Protein backbone atom coordinates (compact mmCIF):
# COMPACT_ATOMS: atom_id res chain seq x y z
CA MET A 1 0.00 0.00 0.00
CA LYS A 2 2.89 2.35 0.80
CA ARG A 3 4.43 1.62 -2.55
CA TRP A 4 1.24 2.57 -4.37
CA THR A 5 0.93 5.82 -2.40
CA ALA A 6 4.55 6.65 -3.12
CA ASP A 7 4.06 5.98 -6.85
CA PHE A 8 0.94 8.13 -6.93
CA SER A 9 2.58 11.07 -5.17
CA ALA A 10 5.57 10.81 -7.51
CA TRP A 11 3.26 10.86 -10.51
CA VAL A 12 1.34 13.91 -9.21
CA SER A 13 4.53 15.84 -8.54
CA SER A 14 5.82 15.02 -12.02
CA LEU A 15 2.83 16.69 -13.68
CA ARG A 16 3.64 20.07 -15.12
CA VAL A 17 0.60 22.32 -15.30
CA SER A 18 1.03 24.96 -17.94
CA GLY A 19 -1.15 27.97 -18.66
CA VAL A 20 -2.52 26.35 -21.83
CA THR A 21 -3.67 23.30 -19.86
CA VAL A 22 -5.44 25.46 -17.27
CA LEU A 23 -7.08 27.52 -20.04
CA ALA A 24 -8.28 24.36 -21.82
CA VAL A 25 -9.82 22.97 -18.59
CA VAL A 26 -11.55 26.29 -17.84
CA VAL A 27 -12.98 26.49 -21.38
CA LEU A 28 -14.18 22.90 -21.13
CA VAL A 29 -15.94 23.52 -17.78
CA LEU A 30 -17.55 26.75 -19.05
CA GLY A 31 -18.77 24.99 -22.18
CA ALA A 32 -20.35 22.22 -20.09
CA LEU A 33 -22.06 24.79 -17.85
CA MET A 34 -23.41 26.67 -20.86
CA LEU A 35 -24.73 23.55 -22.59
CA SER A 36 -26.31 21.81 -19.58
CA PRO A 37 -29.57 23.90 -19.54
CA ASN A 38 -30.00 23.34 -23.27
CA ILE A 39 -29.44 19.60 -22.89
CA SER A 40 -31.93 19.35 -20.01
CA THR A 41 -34.50 21.31 -22.05
CA PHE A 42 -33.94 18.97 -24.99
CA VAL A 43 -34.43 15.87 -22.81
CA GLN A 44 -37.60 17.33 -21.26
CA GLN A 45 -39.04 18.19 -24.69
CA GLN A 46 -38.30 14.68 -25.96
CA ARG A 47 -40.12 13.22 -22.94
CA GLU A 48 -43.14 15.49 -23.55
CA LEU A 49 -43.09 14.60 -27.23
CA SER A 50 -43.22 10.88 -26.47
CA GLN A 51 -46.11 11.44 -24.03
CA LEU A 52 -48.01 13.43 -26.65
CA ARG A 53 -47.42 10.71 -29.25
CA ALA A 54 -48.80 8.11 -26.82
CA SER A 55 -51.82 10.33 -26.17
CA VAL A 56 -52.42 10.72 -29.91
CA GLU A 57 -52.31 6.92 -30.34
CA GLU A 58 -54.84 6.46 -27.52
CA HIS A 59 -57.17 9.02 -29.08
CA ARG A 60 -56.83 7.38 -32.50
CA ALA A 61 -57.76 4.03 -31.00
CA ALA A 62 -60.79 5.62 -29.32
CA VAL A 63 -61.88 7.24 -32.60
CA GLU A 64 -61.51 3.93 -34.45
CA GLU A 65 -63.59 2.20 -31.79
CA ILE A 66 -66.32 4.83 -32.07
CA ASP A 67 -66.29 4.57 -35.87
CA ALA A 68 -66.63 0.79 -35.62
CA GLU A 69 -69.55 1.20 -33.19
CA ARG A 70 -71.23 3.65 -35.57
CA ALA A 71 -70.76 1.22 -38.47
CA ARG A 72 -72.32 -1.58 -36.40
CA TRP A 73 -75.36 0.55 -35.64
CA LYS A 74 -75.86 1.18 -39.37
CA ASP A 75 -76.27 -2.58 -39.88
CA PRO A 76 -79.98 -3.56 -39.60
CA ALA A 77 -79.14 -7.03 -38.29
CA TYR A 78 -77.12 -5.55 -35.42
CA VAL A 79 -79.91 -3.08 -34.57
CA ARG A 80 -82.41 -5.96 -34.58
CA SER A 81 -80.24 -8.08 -32.29
CA GLN A 82 -79.70 -5.18 -29.89
CA ALA A 83 -83.45 -4.52 -29.79
CA ARG A 84 -84.03 -8.18 -28.96
CA ASP A 85 -81.39 -8.17 -26.22
CA ARG A 86 -81.95 -4.78 -24.64
CA LEU A 87 -85.66 -4.15 -25.18
CA LEU A 88 -86.76 -7.82 -25.11
CA TYR A 89 -88.41 -7.61 -28.53
CA VAL A 90 -89.32 -10.83 -30.33
CA MET A 91 -90.02 -11.56 -33.95
CA PRO A 92 -93.57 -12.50 -34.96
CA GLY A 93 -94.20 -16.17 -34.27
CA GLU A 94 -91.49 -16.47 -31.62
CA THR A 95 -92.07 -17.07 -27.93
CA GLN A 96 -89.88 -15.30 -25.44
CA LEU A 97 -88.82 -16.99 -22.23
CA SER A 98 -87.30 -14.93 -19.45
CA ILE A 99 -85.18 -16.68 -16.85
CA ILE A 100 -84.97 -15.02 -13.47
CA ASP A 101 -81.68 -15.72 -11.81
CA ASP A 102 -82.80 -15.55 -8.19
CA VAL A 103 -80.86 -18.51 -6.84
CA LEU A 104 -78.17 -17.42 -4.43
CA ILE A 105 -75.03 -19.46 -4.70
CA PRO A 106 -73.04 -19.46 -1.47
CA ALA A 107 -69.59 -17.98 -1.69
CA GLU A 108 -66.74 -20.40 -1.66
CA SER A 109 -64.72 -20.63 1.49
CA ASP A 110 -61.40 -18.83 1.62
CA GLU A 111 -59.98 -21.41 3.98
CA GLU A 112 -56.99 -23.31 2.74
CA THR A 113 -57.19 -27.08 2.64
CA GLU A 114 -54.78 -29.06 4.71
CA SER A 115 -52.08 -30.99 2.95
CA THR A 116 -52.07 -33.78 5.54
CA LEU A 117 -54.40 -36.74 5.31
CA THR A 118 -56.76 -37.57 8.15
CA GLU A 119 -57.31 -41.16 9.11
CA THR A 120 -60.72 -42.49 10.08
CA GLU A 121 -61.28 -44.67 13.11
CA THR A 122 -63.81 -46.95 11.38
CA ASN A 123 -63.37 -49.89 9.05
CA TRP A 124 -65.30 -49.07 5.90
CA ALA A 125 -65.66 -52.70 4.84
CA ARG A 126 -67.25 -53.69 8.18
CA GLU A 127 -69.58 -50.67 8.03
CA PHE A 128 -70.59 -51.57 4.49
CA GLY A 129 -71.35 -55.17 5.51
CA ALA A 130 -73.38 -54.04 8.53
CA THR A 131 -75.40 -51.65 6.40
CA PHE A 132 -75.99 -54.40 3.85
CA LEU A 133 -77.24 -56.83 6.54
CA ILE A 134 -79.48 -54.24 8.21
CA ALA A 135 -81.04 -53.35 4.87
CA GLY A 136 -81.65 -57.02 4.07
CA MET A 137 -83.24 -57.90 7.42
CA SER A 138 -85.57 -54.94 7.78
CA GLU A 139 -89.09 -54.76 6.38
CA HIS A 140 -89.76 -53.12 3.08
CA PRO A 141 -90.22 -49.39 3.77
CA ASP A 142 -93.44 -49.14 1.73
CA LYS A 143 -95.06 -52.04 3.62
CA ALA A 144 -94.02 -50.64 6.99
CA ALA A 145 -95.41 -47.22 6.11
CA ALA A 146 -98.67 -48.73 4.88
CA ALA A 147 -99.07 -50.75 8.10
CA GLU A 148 -98.52 -47.67 10.23
CA GLU A 149 -100.96 -45.55 8.26
CA ALA A 150 -103.77 -48.14 8.07
CA PRO A 151 -106.57 -47.20 10.49
CA ILE A 152 -107.50 -49.75 13.10
CA GLU A 153 -111.16 -50.62 12.69
CA GLU A 154 -113.18 -51.29 15.80
CA ALA A 155 -116.07 -53.67 15.86
CA PRO A 156 -119.41 -51.91 15.64
CA ALA A 157 -121.16 -51.64 18.98
CA ALA A 158 -124.39 -53.52 19.39
CA GLU A 159 -127.36 -51.29 19.26
CA THR A 160 -129.72 -51.46 22.13
CA PRO A 161 -133.28 -50.46 21.57
CA VAL A 162 -134.25 -47.35 23.40
CA GLU A 163 -137.62 -47.45 25.04
């Protein structure tokens, strides 16, 4: 490190600064100071120009879209289809059906599902067999319901003559 410092100081002391060199540096600095406002103005104008070009392109796209919309409205088929959709018009001989979407669908849960598997405590094969046996041994549901609903008839009471 000392060697580098010594070399640098030797190099600096060996420089001979003449009047021409000082004059050239001063002219260079003054030229940079005089040109910097012009350069910043140029850069700012270029930025504004690019923004204006982008704005012109957006407006052209909007005008083209409006022209396309106007051309669509000049087409009788488009006008007819819009009248059918917006005003619910139908052609002669057609029947219109309106569907009311009044069914509320519940929102899906935002909960995240777990990545781990849960184990059940039951044996599914045994449960299936038990269900199968219970279904086979029980009465038919229609017969059981008919037996429960059938009224119980009582024997008619003997009539006694009233005197």
